[in-house]
């Protein structure tokens, strides 16, 4: 059974930092491209960053230079280090494979506000 558990979100002031984690189970984590997605209120879910099984990393333009995606295949865990956060980064953040599978975790709320 696939399970994705995201945590590490919270309330942070503009310019602050957060580190998100995603614990995955139920599949061979190291064999899959993994990604972070986010969904802001009233908007569709968008792809934020991808870390392929082969080691390629891609970011959406709006987070380049501020966010860093990493993965630990031995721990089946995906990370997202978010620096210089902006109010427009406010969203629920999810991890999933890329392309996304049919199962989504509960996500973790990130709120950037003064």
C-alpha atoms as a PDB file:
ATOM      1  CA  UNK A   1       0.000   0.000   0.000  1.00  0.00           C
ATOM      2  CA  UNK A   2       1.432   3.340  -1.091  1.00  0.00           C
ATOM      3  CA  UNK A   3       1.770   5.865   1.702  1.00  0.00           C
ATOM      4  CA  UNK A   4       3.071   9.432   1.473  1.00  0.00           C
ATOM      5  CA  UNK A   5       3.374  11.502   4.641  1.00  0.00           C
ATOM      6  CA  UNK A   6       4.418  15.133   4.345  1.00  0.00           C
ATOM      7  CA  UNK A   7       5.477  17.250   7.311  1.00  0.00           C
ATOM      8  CA  UNK A   8       7.517  20.288   8.251  1.00  0.00           C
ATOM      9  CA  UNK A   9       5.169  23.065   7.190  1.00  0.00           C
ATOM     10  CA  UNK A  10       4.147  26.008   9.331  1.00  0.00           C
ATOM     11  CA  UNK A  11       3.755  29.747   9.582  1.00  0.00           C
ATOM     12  CA  UNK A  12       6.809  31.778   8.644  1.00  0.00           C
ATOM     13  CA  UNK A  13       7.507  35.435   7.932  1.00  0.00           C
ATOM     14  CA  UNK A  14       8.523  36.593   4.450  1.00  0.00           C
ATOM     15  CA  UNK A  15      12.211  35.903   3.935  1.00  0.00           C
ATOM     16  CA  UNK A  16      12.150  32.960   6.302  1.00  0.00           C
ATOM     17  CA  UNK A  17      12.949  29.299   5.715  1.00  0.00           C
ATOM     18  CA  UNK A  18      11.299  25.917   6.151  1.00  0.00           C
ATOM     19  CA  UNK A  19      12.363  22.354   5.430  1.00  0.00           C
ATOM     20  CA  UNK A  20       9.687  19.927   4.294  1.00  0.00           C
ATOM     21  CA  UNK A  21      10.018  16.162   4.481  1.00  0.00           C
ATOM     22  CA  UNK A  22       8.056  13.386   2.827  1.00  0.00           C
ATOM     23  CA  UNK A  23       8.225   9.821   4.129  1.00  0.00           C
ATOM     24  CA  UNK A  24       7.267   7.315   1.436  1.00  0.00           C
ATOM     25  CA  UNK A  25       6.428   3.644   1.725  1.00  0.00           C
ATOM     26  CA  UNK A  26       4.771   0.889  -0.246  1.00  0.00           C
ATOM     27  CA  UNK A  27       6.875   1.179  -3.381  1.00  0.00           C
ATOM     28  CA  UNK A  28      10.538   1.100  -4.418  1.00  0.00           C
ATOM     29  CA  UNK A  29      11.289   4.759  -3.741  1.00  0.00           C
ATOM     30  CA  UNK A  30      14.701   4.835  -5.433  1.00  0.00           C
ATOM     31  CA  UNK A  31      13.258   3.619  -8.731  1.00  0.00           C
ATOM     32  CA  UNK A  32      10.872   6.541  -9.137  1.00  0.00           C
ATOM     33  CA  UNK A  33      11.117  10.164 -10.136  1.00  0.00           C
ATOM     34  CA  UNK A  34       9.874  12.088  -7.109  1.00  0.00           C
ATOM     35  CA  UNK A  35       8.471  15.586  -6.932  1.00  0.00           C
ATOM     36  CA  UNK A  36       7.007  18.269  -4.730  1.00  0.00           C
ATOM     37  CA  UNK A  37       3.715  19.850  -5.725  1.00  0.00           C
ATOM     38  CA  UNK A  38       1.708  22.650  -4.145  1.00  0.00           C
ATOM     39  CA  UNK A  39      -1.840  23.925  -4.233  1.00  0.00           C
ATOM     40  CA  UNK A  40      -2.667  27.472  -3.246  1.00  0.00           C
ATOM     41  CA  UNK A  41      -6.216  28.493  -2.263  1.00  0.00           C
ATOM     42  CA  UNK A  42      -8.414  28.755  -5.329  1.00  0.00           C
ATOM     43  CA  UNK A  43      -5.710  27.488  -7.670  1.00  0.00           C
ATOM     44  CA  UNK A  44      -4.839  24.203  -9.323  1.00  0.00           C
ATOM     45  CA  UNK A  45      -2.105  22.001  -7.984  1.00  0.00           C
ATOM     46  CA  UNK A  46       1.256  22.820  -9.590  1.00  0.00           C
ATOM     47  CA  UNK A  47       4.562  21.038  -9.900  1.00  0.00           C
ATOM     48  CA  UNK A  48       7.302  22.748  -7.873  1.00  0.00           C
ATOM     49  CA  UNK A  49      10.415  20.564  -8.122  1.00  0.00           C
ATOM     50  CA  UNK A  50      11.435  17.182  -9.497  1.00  0.00           C
ATOM     51  CA  UNK A  51      14.283  14.858  -8.548  1.00  0.00           C
ATOM     52  CA  UNK A  52      14.468  12.016 -11.034  1.00  0.00           C
ATOM     53  CA  UNK A  53      15.667   8.511 -10.236  1.00  0.00           C
ATOM     54  CA  UNK A  54      18.674   9.268 -12.421  1.00  0.00           C
ATOM     55  CA  UNK A  55      19.646  12.367 -10.481  1.00  0.00           C
ATOM     56  CA  UNK A  56      18.245  15.128 -12.682  1.00  0.00           C
ATOM     57  CA  UNK A  57      16.709  18.081 -10.819  1.00  0.00           C
ATOM     58  CA  UNK A  58      14.235  20.618 -12.191  1.00  0.00           C
ATOM     59  CA  UNK A  59      12.401  23.534 -10.624  1.00  0.00           C
ATOM     60  CA  UNK A  60       9.504  25.725 -11.623  1.00  0.00           C
ATOM     61  CA  UNK A  61      10.861  29.166 -12.485  1.00  0.00           C
ATOM     62  CA  UNK A  62       9.204  30.864  -9.517  1.00  0.00           C
ATOM     63  CA  UNK A  63      11.286  28.911  -6.965  1.00  0.00           C
ATOM     64  CA  UNK A  64      14.635  28.655  -8.740  1.00  0.00           C
ATOM     65  CA  UNK A  65      17.480  29.845  -6.530  1.00  0.00           C
ATOM     66  CA  UNK A  66      15.309  29.664  -3.402  1.00  0.00           C
ATOM     67  CA  UNK A  67      14.192  26.040  -3.075  1.00  0.00           C
ATOM     68  CA  UNK A  68      16.364  22.907  -3.024  1.00  0.00           C
ATOM     69  CA  UNK A  69      15.000  19.391  -3.505  1.00  0.00           C
ATOM     70  CA  UNK A  70      16.933  16.426  -2.172  1.00  0.00           C
ATOM     71  CA  UNK A  71      16.220  12.765  -1.582  1.00  0.00           C
ATOM     72  CA  UNK A  72      17.511   9.962   0.619  1.00  0.00           C
ATOM     73  CA  UNK A  73      16.777   6.677  -1.107  1.00  0.00           C
ATOM     74  CA  UNK A  74      17.984   4.625   1.867  1.00  0.00           C
ATOM     75  CA  UNK A  75      15.322   6.301   4.031  1.00  0.00           C
ATOM     76  CA  UNK A  76      12.701   6.597   1.266  1.00  0.00           C
ATOM     77  CA  UNK A  77      12.432  10.278   2.096  1.00  0.00           C
ATOM     78  CA  UNK A  78      12.127  13.367  -0.061  1.00  0.00           C
ATOM     79  CA  UNK A  79      13.028  16.850   1.186  1.00  0.00           C
ATOM     80  CA  UNK A  80      12.391  20.421   0.134  1.00  0.00           C
ATOM     81  CA  UNK A  81      14.512  23.195   1.636  1.00  0.00           C
ATOM     82  CA  UNK A  82      12.701  26.478   1.120  1.00  0.00           C
ATOM     83  CA  UNK A  83      14.565  29.750   1.662  1.00  0.00           C
ATOM     84  CA  UNK A  84      13.651  33.391   1.053  1.00  0.00           C
ATOM     85  CA  UNK A  85       9.987  32.488   1.309  1.00  0.00           C
ATOM     86  CA  UNK A  86       7.411  34.825  -0.202  1.00  0.00           C
ATOM     87  CA  UNK A  87       3.683  35.230   0.506  1.00  0.00           C
ATOM     88  CA  UNK A  88       2.966  33.693  -2.900  1.00  0.00           C
ATOM     89  CA  UNK A  89       4.595  30.458  -1.689  1.00  0.00           C
ATOM     90  CA  UNK A  90       1.643  29.968   0.658  1.00  0.00           C
ATOM     91  CA  UNK A  91       0.041  26.640  -0.234  1.00  0.00           C
ATOM     92  CA  UNK A  92      -0.444  23.047   0.818  1.00  0.00           C
ATOM     93  CA  UNK A  93       2.649  21.121  -0.262  1.00  0.00           C
ATOM     94  CA  UNK A  94       2.501  17.501  -1.383  1.00  0.00           C
ATOM     95  CA  UNK A  95       5.009  14.950  -2.557  1.00  0.00           C
ATOM     96  CA  UNK A  96       4.317  12.317  -5.172  1.00  0.00           C
ATOM     97  CA  UNK A  97       5.949  10.495  -8.030  1.00  0.00           C
ATOM     98  CA  UNK A  98       6.383  12.303 -11.334  1.00  0.00           C
ATOM     99  CA  UNK A  99       4.157  11.827 -13.217  1.00  0.00           C
ATOM    100  CA  UNK A 100       1.924  11.828 -10.165  1.00  0.00           C
ATOM    101  CA  UNK A 101       0.306   8.606  -9.081  1.00  0.00           C
ATOM    102  CA  UNK A 102      -3.330   8.367  -8.095  1.00  0.00           C
ATOM    103  CA  UNK A 103      -2.677   8.457  -4.356  1.00  0.00           C
ATOM    104  CA  UNK A 104      -2.020  11.717  -2.507  1.00  0.00           C
ATOM    105  CA  UNK A 105      -1.040  12.242   1.099  1.00  0.00           C
ATOM    106  CA  UNK A 106      -2.575  14.846   3.371  1.00  0.00           C
ATOM    107  CA  UNK A 107       0.019  17.470   2.491  1.00  0.00           C
ATOM    108  CA  UNK A 108       1.593  20.034   4.790  1.00  0.00           C
ATOM    109  CA  UNK A 109       0.439  23.650   5.029  1.00  0.00           C
ATOM    110  CA  UNK A 110       2.974  26.407   4.416  1.00  0.00           C
ATOM    111  CA  UNK A 111       1.849  29.931   5.252  1.00  0.00           C
ATOM    112  CA  UNK A 112       4.114  32.898   4.560  1.00  0.00           C
ATOM    113  CA  UNK A 113       2.799  35.999   6.239  1.00  0.00           C
ATOM    114  CA  UNK A 114       3.917  38.865   8.410  1.00  0.00           C
END
